[in-house]
């Protein structure tokens, strides 16, 4: 699937809904703290964790539109020095957030 086609598909799916995603970041081992500090400056990053496992940093982000989210990945996060790889997990639905069950 071409980037333009994927963008159009995701844009249609999300429409006017807020985009919430979890992002796993692999960074250079000596840049983890620098990258973690840098991502906290982005207003759409709600939570940032330095973790163990497959990723070095895990983010929760929210954007008003899919295009804004895509631009963040490509133009901001992807250009940070020390970021080696980004894996994105799109949130389909939220069942519990900040200790509160959603939709019950």
C-alpha atoms as a PDB file:
ATOM      1  CA  UNK A   1       0.000   0.000   0.000  1.00  0.00           C
ATOM      2  CA  UNK A   2       1.395   3.406  -0.985  1.00  0.00           C
ATOM      3  CA  UNK A   3       1.826   6.110   1.655  1.00  0.00           C
ATOM      4  CA  UNK A   4      -0.832   8.339   0.070  1.00  0.00           C
ATOM      5  CA  UNK A   5      -3.325   5.469  -0.028  1.00  0.00           C
ATOM      6  CA  UNK A   6      -2.632   4.553   3.600  1.00  0.00           C
ATOM      7  CA  UNK A   7      -2.981   8.180   4.666  1.00  0.00           C
ATOM      8  CA  UNK A   8      -6.329   8.477   2.872  1.00  0.00           C
ATOM      9  CA  UNK A   9      -7.579   5.211   4.406  1.00  0.00           C
ATOM     10  CA  UNK A  10      -6.536   6.167   7.931  1.00  0.00           C
ATOM     11  CA  UNK A  11      -7.919   9.677   7.483  1.00  0.00           C
ATOM     12  CA  UNK A  12     -11.289   8.208   6.480  1.00  0.00           C
ATOM     13  CA  UNK A  13     -11.239   5.766   9.400  1.00  0.00           C
ATOM     14  CA  UNK A  14     -10.500   8.451  11.994  1.00  0.00           C
ATOM     15  CA  UNK A  15     -12.526  11.220  10.368  1.00  0.00           C
ATOM     16  CA  UNK A  16     -13.083  13.837  13.043  1.00  0.00           C
ATOM     17  CA  UNK A  17     -12.217  11.478  15.911  1.00  0.00           C
ATOM     18  CA  UNK A  18      -9.174  12.140  18.034  1.00  0.00           C
ATOM     19  CA  UNK A  19      -6.229   9.892  17.163  1.00  0.00           C
ATOM     20  CA  UNK A  20      -4.668   8.122  20.133  1.00  0.00           C
ATOM     21  CA  UNK A  21      -1.568   5.989  19.668  1.00  0.00           C
ATOM     22  CA  UNK A  22       1.177   4.256  21.601  1.00  0.00           C
ATOM     23  CA  UNK A  23       4.641   4.646  20.148  1.00  0.00           C
ATOM     24  CA  UNK A  24       7.623   2.454  20.938  1.00  0.00           C
ATOM     25  CA  UNK A  25      10.990   4.078  20.280  1.00  0.00           C
ATOM     26  CA  UNK A  26      14.304   2.283  19.921  1.00  0.00           C
ATOM     27  CA  UNK A  27      17.126   4.720  20.471  1.00  0.00           C
ATOM     28  CA  UNK A  28      20.892   4.681  20.537  1.00  0.00           C
ATOM     29  CA  UNK A  29      21.862   3.245  23.913  1.00  0.00           C
ATOM     30  CA  UNK A  30      23.743   6.378  24.934  1.00  0.00           C
ATOM     31  CA  UNK A  31      20.887   8.693  23.817  1.00  0.00           C
ATOM     32  CA  UNK A  32      17.908   7.228  25.703  1.00  0.00           C
ATOM     33  CA  UNK A  33      17.704  10.019  28.293  1.00  0.00           C
ATOM     34  CA  UNK A  34      18.298  12.713  25.669  1.00  0.00           C
ATOM     35  CA  UNK A  35      15.520  11.376  23.414  1.00  0.00           C
ATOM     36  CA  UNK A  36      13.161  10.864  26.373  1.00  0.00           C
ATOM     37  CA  UNK A  37      13.742  14.453  27.460  1.00  0.00           C
ATOM     38  CA  UNK A  38      13.218  15.798  23.931  1.00  0.00           C
ATOM     39  CA  UNK A  39       9.882  14.027  23.381  1.00  0.00           C
ATOM     40  CA  UNK A  40       8.409  15.509  26.549  1.00  0.00           C
ATOM     41  CA  UNK A  41       8.595  18.934  24.867  1.00  0.00           C
ATOM     42  CA  UNK A  42       5.961  17.919  22.278  1.00  0.00           C
ATOM     43  CA  UNK A  43       2.498  19.027  23.419  1.00  0.00           C
ATOM     44  CA  UNK A  44       0.758  15.983  21.917  1.00  0.00           C
ATOM     45  CA  UNK A  45       2.834  13.566  24.015  1.00  0.00           C
ATOM     46  CA  UNK A  46       0.642  12.819  27.017  1.00  0.00           C
ATOM     47  CA  UNK A  47       2.899  10.237  28.657  1.00  0.00           C
ATOM     48  CA  UNK A  48       6.523   9.217  28.172  1.00  0.00           C
ATOM     49  CA  UNK A  49       8.203   6.229  29.843  1.00  0.00           C
ATOM     50  CA  UNK A  50      11.746   4.878  29.711  1.00  0.00           C
ATOM     51  CA  UNK A  51      11.218   1.099  29.670  1.00  0.00           C
ATOM     52  CA  UNK A  52      12.937  -2.255  29.288  1.00  0.00           C
ATOM     53  CA  UNK A  53      12.131  -4.797  26.593  1.00  0.00           C
ATOM     54  CA  UNK A  54      11.630  -4.293  22.865  1.00  0.00           C
ATOM     55  CA  UNK A  55      11.637  -0.498  23.167  1.00  0.00           C
ATOM     56  CA  UNK A  56      13.660   2.049  25.106  1.00  0.00           C
ATOM     57  CA  UNK A  57      10.906   4.653  25.322  1.00  0.00           C
ATOM     58  CA  UNK A  58       7.123   4.280  25.193  1.00  0.00           C
ATOM     59  CA  UNK A  59       4.844   7.239  24.414  1.00  0.00           C
ATOM     60  CA  UNK A  60       1.110   7.836  24.516  1.00  0.00           C
ATOM     61  CA  UNK A  61       0.107  10.564  22.080  1.00  0.00           C
ATOM     62  CA  UNK A  62      -3.109  12.261  20.962  1.00  0.00           C
ATOM     63  CA  UNK A  63      -3.823  14.309  17.890  1.00  0.00           C
ATOM     64  CA  UNK A  64      -6.974  16.018  16.622  1.00  0.00           C
ATOM     65  CA  UNK A  65      -6.469  14.600  13.093  1.00  0.00           C
ATOM     66  CA  UNK A  66      -4.601  11.719  11.494  1.00  0.00           C
ATOM     67  CA  UNK A  67      -2.597  14.099   9.265  1.00  0.00           C
ATOM     68  CA  UNK A  68      -1.227  15.852  12.356  1.00  0.00           C
ATOM     69  CA  UNK A  69      -0.204  12.493  13.771  1.00  0.00           C
ATOM     70  CA  UNK A  70       1.514  11.479  10.529  1.00  0.00           C
ATOM     71  CA  UNK A  71       3.399  14.785  10.375  1.00  0.00           C
ATOM     72  CA  UNK A  72       4.544  14.307  13.966  1.00  0.00           C
ATOM     73  CA  UNK A  73       5.959  10.860  13.173  1.00  0.00           C
ATOM     74  CA  UNK A  74       7.769  11.934  10.015  1.00  0.00           C
ATOM     75  CA  UNK A  75       8.737  15.552  10.628  1.00  0.00           C
ATOM     76  CA  UNK A  76       9.381  15.629  14.368  1.00  0.00           C
ATOM     77  CA  UNK A  77       9.887  12.256  16.027  1.00  0.00           C
ATOM     78  CA  UNK A  78      11.659  10.643  13.091  1.00  0.00           C
ATOM     79  CA  UNK A  79      14.162  13.498  12.900  1.00  0.00           C
ATOM     80  CA  UNK A  80      15.269  13.468  16.535  1.00  0.00           C
ATOM     81  CA  UNK A  81      18.933  12.633  16.948  1.00  0.00           C
ATOM     82  CA  UNK A  82      19.331   9.226  18.571  1.00  0.00           C
ATOM     83  CA  UNK A  83      16.035   7.722  17.353  1.00  0.00           C
ATOM     84  CA  UNK A  84      16.783   4.480  15.511  1.00  0.00           C
ATOM     85  CA  UNK A  85      13.341   2.964  14.992  1.00  0.00           C
ATOM     86  CA  UNK A  86       9.721   3.860  15.709  1.00  0.00           C
ATOM     87  CA  UNK A  87       6.863   1.382  16.065  1.00  0.00           C
ATOM     88  CA  UNK A  88       3.331   2.723  16.201  1.00  0.00           C
ATOM     89  CA  UNK A  89       0.313   1.043  17.770  1.00  0.00           C
ATOM     90  CA  UNK A  90      -2.969   2.764  16.942  1.00  0.00           C
ATOM     91  CA  UNK A  91      -5.568   2.706  19.708  1.00  0.00           C
ATOM     92  CA  UNK A  92      -8.846   1.311  18.405  1.00  0.00           C
ATOM     93  CA  UNK A  93     -10.838   1.798  21.595  1.00  0.00           C
ATOM     94  CA  UNK A  94     -10.137   2.796  25.187  1.00  0.00           C
ATOM     95  CA  UNK A  95     -11.505   0.599  27.959  1.00  0.00           C
ATOM     96  CA  UNK A  96      -9.798   2.197  30.962  1.00  0.00           C
ATOM     97  CA  UNK A  97      -7.767   5.374  31.214  1.00  0.00           C
ATOM     98  CA  UNK A  98      -6.268   7.232  34.168  1.00  0.00           C
ATOM     99  CA  UNK A  99      -7.867   4.696  36.505  1.00  0.00           C
ATOM    100  CA  UNK A 100     -11.371   5.231  35.110  1.00  0.00           C
ATOM    101  CA  UNK A 101     -13.348   2.656  33.150  1.00  0.00           C
ATOM    102  CA  UNK A 102     -14.642   4.074  29.877  1.00  0.00           C
ATOM    103  CA  UNK A 103     -18.123   3.442  28.476  1.00  0.00           C
ATOM    104  CA  UNK A 104     -19.717   1.599  31.378  1.00  0.00           C
END
